[in-house]
Amino acid sequence: MSFNFSHITDDLFIGTTPLASDYDGLRELGIRLIINMRFTRSPFPDPHHTPIQLLWLRTIDSPFFPLSIPKLMLGARAALETINKGGKVYVHCAYGRHRGPAMGSCVLIAQGYEPGAAMSLVADRRAVADPYTYYIRSRILKFAQEWDRETNLPQSRGVRREF
């Protein structure tokens, strides 16, 4: 495979942009959903007879354009659906440093991780990931609040979230 990625959990990988020629390798890893967080580079189509599902959430990596909470919610829901069906998820941006790790952290939060634990796991497993950059961290924490509000996890499970 010609791209760089990190294995975060059994169900989640984060990295750089894969080419269509990389899809067979991703398929062998069990990847069934690729979430593209890049703004200008659309996903490469998967020519396989059973293509990997592609979700393009156009996002700019800039403190002047905050990550969209509705896009993070959409990505987390799609990832959970894929994982619940036994598939794995690959999230990417240009370098696998900000947007991809942000979406990956949100997927982990949707799976029940506390925000701090999600960001720590991503940072530990992907050396270039920096989910703590102020404009990325703030959106991950906002996502966690919105996810909790929508799913009522803190009250129903007694989950204590760390911010």
C-alpha atoms as a PDB file:
ATOM      1  CA  MET A   1       0.000   0.000   0.000  1.00  0.00           C
ATOM      2  CA  SER A   2       1.320   3.403  -0.978  1.00  0.00           C
ATOM      3  CA  PHE A   3      -0.121   5.441   1.873  1.00  0.00           C
ATOM      4  CA  ASN A   4       0.534   5.838   5.578  1.00  0.00           C
ATOM      5  CA  PHE A   5      -1.989   4.646   8.154  1.00  0.00           C
ATOM      6  CA  SER A   6      -2.273   3.633  11.796  1.00  0.00           C
ATOM      7  CA  HIS A   7      -4.309   0.853  13.394  1.00  0.00           C
ATOM      8  CA  ILE A   8      -6.203   2.595  16.220  1.00  0.00           C
ATOM      9  CA  THR A   9      -8.573  -0.173  17.354  1.00  0.00           C
ATOM     10  CA  ASP A  10      -9.771  -3.451  15.875  1.00  0.00           C
ATOM     11  CA  ASP A  11     -12.437  -1.454  13.993  1.00  0.00           C
ATOM     12  CA  LEU A  12     -10.715   1.857  13.230  1.00  0.00           C
ATOM     13  CA  PHE A  13      -7.785   2.973  11.091  1.00  0.00           C
ATOM     14  CA  ILE A  14      -6.605   6.563  10.495  1.00  0.00           C
ATOM     15  CA  GLY A  15      -4.202   7.755   7.846  1.00  0.00           C
ATOM     16  CA  THR A  16      -3.475   9.573   4.636  1.00  0.00           C
ATOM     17  CA  THR A  17      -5.355   9.440   1.332  1.00  0.00           C
ATOM     18  CA  PRO A  18      -5.416   5.974  -0.236  1.00  0.00           C
ATOM     19  CA  LEU A  19      -5.327   5.544  -3.999  1.00  0.00           C
ATOM     20  CA  ALA A  20      -7.801   3.266  -5.793  1.00  0.00           C
ATOM     21  CA  SER A  21      -4.916   0.784  -6.127  1.00  0.00           C
ATOM     22  CA  ASP A  22      -4.765   0.624  -2.303  1.00  0.00           C
ATOM     23  CA  TYR A  23      -8.385  -0.454  -1.937  1.00  0.00           C
ATOM     24  CA  ASP A  24      -7.646  -4.183  -2.295  1.00  0.00           C
ATOM     25  CA  GLY A  25      -5.259  -3.944   0.668  1.00  0.00           C
ATOM     26  CA  LEU A  26      -7.864  -2.057   2.681  1.00  0.00           C
ATOM     27  CA  ARG A  27     -10.464  -4.659   1.730  1.00  0.00           C
ATOM     28  CA  GLU A  28      -8.102  -7.391   3.023  1.00  0.00           C
ATOM     29  CA  LEU A  29      -7.959  -5.532   6.370  1.00  0.00           C
ATOM     30  CA  GLY A  30     -11.766  -5.682   6.533  1.00  0.00           C
ATOM     31  CA  ILE A  31     -12.350  -2.015   5.688  1.00  0.00           C
ATOM     32  CA  ARG A  32     -15.930  -1.511   4.525  1.00  0.00           C
ATOM     33  CA  LEU A  33     -16.161   2.287   4.894  1.00  0.00           C
ATOM     34  CA  ILE A  34     -13.683   5.016   3.990  1.00  0.00           C
ATOM     35  CA  ILE A  35     -14.426   8.461   5.409  1.00  0.00           C
ATOM     36  CA  ASN A  36     -12.624  11.181   3.454  1.00  0.00           C
ATOM     37  CA  MET A  37     -12.207  14.425   5.430  1.00  0.00           C
ATOM     38  CA  ARG A  38     -10.404  16.319   2.652  1.00  0.00           C
ATOM     39  CA  PHE A  39     -11.962  19.410   1.126  1.00  0.00           C
ATOM     40  CA  THR A  40     -10.656  19.399  -2.435  1.00  0.00           C
ATOM     41  CA  ARG A  41      -9.725  15.785  -3.192  1.00  0.00           C
ATOM     42  CA  SER A  42     -12.716  13.588  -3.779  1.00  0.00           C
ATOM     43  CA  PRO A  43     -12.419   9.883  -3.018  1.00  0.00           C
ATOM     44  CA  PHE A  44     -11.002   7.702  -5.751  1.00  0.00           C
ATOM     45  CA  PRO A  45     -13.799   5.441  -7.066  1.00  0.00           C
ATOM     46  CA  ASP A  46     -13.487   1.787  -6.077  1.00  0.00           C
ATOM     47  CA  PRO A  47     -13.661  -0.306  -9.281  1.00  0.00           C
ATOM     48  CA  HIS A  48     -14.115  -3.590  -7.376  1.00  0.00           C
ATOM     49  CA  HIS A  49     -17.326  -5.550  -7.994  1.00  0.00           C
ATOM     50  CA  THR A  50     -18.150  -5.087  -4.286  1.00  0.00           C
ATOM     51  CA  PRO A  51     -16.875  -1.561  -3.696  1.00  0.00           C
ATOM     52  CA  ILE A  52     -15.898  -0.162  -0.338  1.00  0.00           C
ATOM     53  CA  GLN A  53     -18.439   2.441   0.778  1.00  0.00           C
ATOM     54  CA  LEU A  54     -17.046   5.971   0.432  1.00  0.00           C
ATOM     55  CA  LEU A  55     -18.218   8.951   2.484  1.00  0.00           C
ATOM     56  CA  TRP A  56     -16.794  12.338   1.553  1.00  0.00           C
ATOM     57  CA  LEU A  57     -17.204  14.909   4.337  1.00  0.00           C
ATOM     58  CA  ARG A  58     -15.592  17.972   2.778  1.00  0.00           C
ATOM     59  CA  THR A  59     -13.694  19.738   5.565  1.00  0.00           C
ATOM     60  CA  ILE A  60     -11.061  22.457   5.696  1.00  0.00           C
ATOM     61  CA  ASP A  61      -8.179  22.181   8.169  1.00  0.00           C
ATOM     62  CA  SER A  62      -8.172  25.729   9.529  1.00  0.00           C
ATOM     63  CA  PRO A  63      -8.995  27.469  12.804  1.00  0.00           C
ATOM     64  CA  PHE A  64     -11.060  29.913  10.717  1.00  0.00           C
ATOM     65  CA  PHE A  65     -13.407  27.157   9.482  1.00  0.00           C
ATOM     66  CA  PRO A  66     -14.455  25.003  12.469  1.00  0.00           C
ATOM     67  CA  LEU A  67     -15.141  21.348  11.763  1.00  0.00           C
ATOM     68  CA  SER A  68     -18.847  20.869  11.135  1.00  0.00           C
ATOM     69  CA  ILE A  69     -20.571  19.080  14.017  1.00  0.00           C
ATOM     70  CA  PRO A  70     -23.307  17.755  11.666  1.00  0.00           C
ATOM     71  CA  LYS A  71     -20.575  16.251   9.432  1.00  0.00           C
ATOM     72  CA  LEU A  72     -18.856  14.691  12.441  1.00  0.00           C
ATOM     73  CA  MET A  73     -22.218  13.266  13.552  1.00  0.00           C
ATOM     74  CA  LEU A  74     -22.886  11.893  10.056  1.00  0.00           C
ATOM     75  CA  GLY A  75     -19.458  10.260   9.936  1.00  0.00           C
ATOM     76  CA  ALA A  76     -19.799   8.766  13.420  1.00  0.00           C
ATOM     77  CA  ARG A  77     -23.235   7.335  12.613  1.00  0.00           C
ATOM     78  CA  ALA A  78     -21.982   5.825   9.332  1.00  0.00           C
ATOM     79  CA  ALA A  79     -18.958   4.356  11.124  1.00  0.00           C
ATOM     80  CA  LEU A  80     -21.099   2.809  13.873  1.00  0.00           C
ATOM     81  CA  GLU A  81     -23.426   1.298  11.287  1.00  0.00           C
ATOM     82  CA  THR A  82     -20.459  -0.246   9.451  1.00  0.00           C
ATOM     83  CA  ILE A  83     -18.818  -1.512  12.645  1.00  0.00           C
ATOM     84  CA  ASN A  84     -22.105  -2.944  13.947  1.00  0.00           C
ATOM     85  CA  LYS A  85     -22.352  -4.950  10.711  1.00  0.00           C
ATOM     86  CA  GLY A  86     -18.867  -6.384  11.266  1.00  0.00           C
ATOM     87  CA  GLY A  87     -16.936  -4.007   9.007  1.00  0.00           C
ATOM     88  CA  LYS A  88     -14.004  -1.748   9.754  1.00  0.00           C
ATOM     89  CA  VAL A  89     -13.572   1.968   9.079  1.00  0.00           C
ATOM     90  CA  TYR A  90     -10.703   3.913   7.546  1.00  0.00           C
ATOM     91  CA  VAL A  91     -10.696   7.683   8.168  1.00  0.00           C
ATOM     92  CA  HIS A  92      -8.322   9.976   6.326  1.00  0.00           C
ATOM     93  CA  CYS A  93      -7.340  13.535   5.556  1.00  0.00           C
ATOM     94  CA  ALA A  94      -4.267  14.812   3.742  1.00  0.00           C
ATOM     95  CA  TYR A  95      -1.678  13.925   6.406  1.00  0.00           C
ATOM     96  CA  GLY A  96      -3.668  12.054   9.061  1.00  0.00           C
ATOM     97  CA  ARG A  97      -2.851  14.791  11.542  1.00  0.00           C
ATOM     98  CA  HIS A  98      -5.980  16.878  12.322  1.00  0.00           C
ATOM     99  CA  ARG A  99      -9.221  16.185  10.449  1.00  0.00           C
ATOM    100  CA  GLY A 100      -8.836  12.396  10.235  1.00  0.00           C
ATOM    101  CA  PRO A 101      -7.876  12.091  13.902  1.00  0.00           C
ATOM    102  CA  ALA A 102     -10.783  14.387  14.819  1.00  0.00           C
ATOM    103  CA  MET A 103     -13.233  12.129  12.981  1.00  0.00           C
ATOM    104  CA  GLY A 104     -11.549   9.043  14.433  1.00  0.00           C
ATOM    105  CA  SER A 105     -11.855  10.481  17.948  1.00  0.00           C
ATOM    106  CA  CYS A 106     -15.540  11.133  17.307  1.00  0.00           C
ATOM    107  CA  VAL A 107     -16.048   7.534  16.163  1.00  0.00           C
ATOM    108  CA  LEU A 108     -14.452   6.349  19.404  1.00  0.00           C
ATOM    109  CA  ILE A 109     -16.660   8.696  21.440  1.00  0.00           C
ATOM    110  CA  ALA A 110     -19.701   7.312  19.624  1.00  0.00           C
ATOM    111  CA  GLN A 111     -18.500   3.852  20.658  1.00  0.00           C
ATOM    112  CA  GLY A 112     -18.460   4.918  24.313  1.00  0.00           C
ATOM    113  CA  TYR A 113     -14.977   6.333  24.905  1.00  0.00           C
ATOM    114  CA  GLU A 114     -14.651   9.460  26.998  1.00  0.00           C
ATOM    115  CA  PRO A 115     -13.349  12.373  24.877  1.00  0.00           C
ATOM    116  CA  GLY A 116      -9.995  12.532  26.675  1.00  0.00           C
ATOM    117  CA  ALA A 117      -9.484   8.779  26.320  1.00  0.00           C
ATOM    118  CA  ALA A 118     -10.445   8.895  22.625  1.00  0.00           C
ATOM    119  CA  MET A 119      -7.996  11.692  21.837  1.00  0.00           C
ATOM    120  CA  SER A 120      -5.258  10.013  23.880  1.00  0.00           C
ATOM    121  CA  LEU A 121      -5.710   6.680  22.103  1.00  0.00           C
ATOM    122  CA  VAL A 122      -5.564   8.325  18.674  1.00  0.00           C
ATOM    123  CA  ALA A 123      -2.474  10.350  19.617  1.00  0.00           C
ATOM    124  CA  ASP A 124      -0.775   7.282  21.118  1.00  0.00           C
ATOM    125  CA  ARG A 125      -1.459   5.029  18.124  1.00  0.00           C
ATOM    126  CA  ARG A 126      -0.750   7.604  15.384  1.00  0.00           C
ATOM    127  CA  ALA A 127       2.429   9.552  16.065  1.00  0.00           C
ATOM    128  CA  VAL A 128       1.618  12.436  13.688  1.00  0.00           C
ATOM    129  CA  ALA A 129      -1.941  12.858  14.994  1.00  0.00           C
ATOM    130  CA  ASP A 130      -2.587  16.009  16.984  1.00  0.00           C
ATOM    131  CA  PRO A 131      -6.178  15.989  18.228  1.00  0.00           C
ATOM    132  CA  TYR A 132      -5.116  18.419  20.972  1.00  0.00           C
ATOM    133  CA  THR A 133      -4.620  21.374  18.622  1.00  0.00           C
ATOM    134  CA  TYR A 134      -7.015  23.955  20.074  1.00  0.00           C
ATOM    135  CA  TYR A 135      -9.333  24.240  17.071  1.00  0.00           C
ATOM    136  CA  ILE A 136      -9.532  20.446  16.657  1.00  0.00           C
ATOM    137  CA  ARG A 137      -9.890  19.586  20.364  1.00  0.00           C
ATOM    138  CA  SER A 138     -12.687  22.117  20.811  1.00  0.00           C
ATOM    139  CA  ARG A 139     -14.708  20.486  18.014  1.00  0.00           C
ATOM    140  CA  ILE A 140     -14.144  16.985  19.389  1.00  0.00           C
ATOM    141  CA  LEU A 141     -15.412  18.162  22.793  1.00  0.00           C
ATOM    142  CA  LYS A 142     -18.391  19.902  21.153  1.00  0.00           C
ATOM    143  CA  PHE A 143     -19.150  16.700  19.250  1.00  0.00           C
ATOM    144  CA  ALA A 144     -19.084  14.748  22.533  1.00  0.00           C
ATOM    145  CA  GLN A 145     -21.608  17.154  24.070  1.00  0.00           C
ATOM    146  CA  GLU A 146     -23.894  16.917  21.042  1.00  0.00           C
ATOM    147  CA  TRP A 147     -23.554  13.132  20.853  1.00  0.00           C
ATOM    148  CA  ASP A 148     -24.422  12.830  24.550  1.00  0.00           C
ATOM    149  CA  ARG A 149     -27.377  15.144  24.109  1.00  0.00           C
ATOM    150  CA  GLU A 150     -28.705  13.131  21.167  1.00  0.00           C
ATOM    151  CA  THR A 151     -28.112   9.701  22.638  1.00  0.00           C
ATOM    152  CA  ASN A 152     -28.670  10.486  26.350  1.00  0.00           C
ATOM    153  CA  LEU A 153     -25.694   8.280  27.268  1.00  0.00           C
ATOM    154  CA  PRO A 154     -24.608  10.077  30.453  1.00  0.00           C
ATOM    155  CA  GLN A 155     -27.954   9.675  32.193  1.00  0.00           C
ATOM    156  CA  SER A 156     -28.859   6.214  30.928  1.00  0.00           C
ATOM    157  CA  ARG A 157     -25.459   4.552  31.540  1.00  0.00           C
ATOM    158  CA  GLY A 158     -23.981   6.735  34.242  1.00  0.00           C
ATOM    159  CA  VAL A 159     -21.071   7.602  31.957  1.00  0.00           C
ATOM    160  CA  ARG A 160     -18.948  10.463  33.258  1.00  0.00           C
ATOM    161  CA  ARG A 161     -17.348  12.506  30.510  1.00  0.00           C
ATOM    162  CA  GLU A 162     -14.007  14.239  31.039  1.00  0.00           C
ATOM    163  CA  PHE A 163     -13.500  17.577  29.378  1.00  0.00           C
END
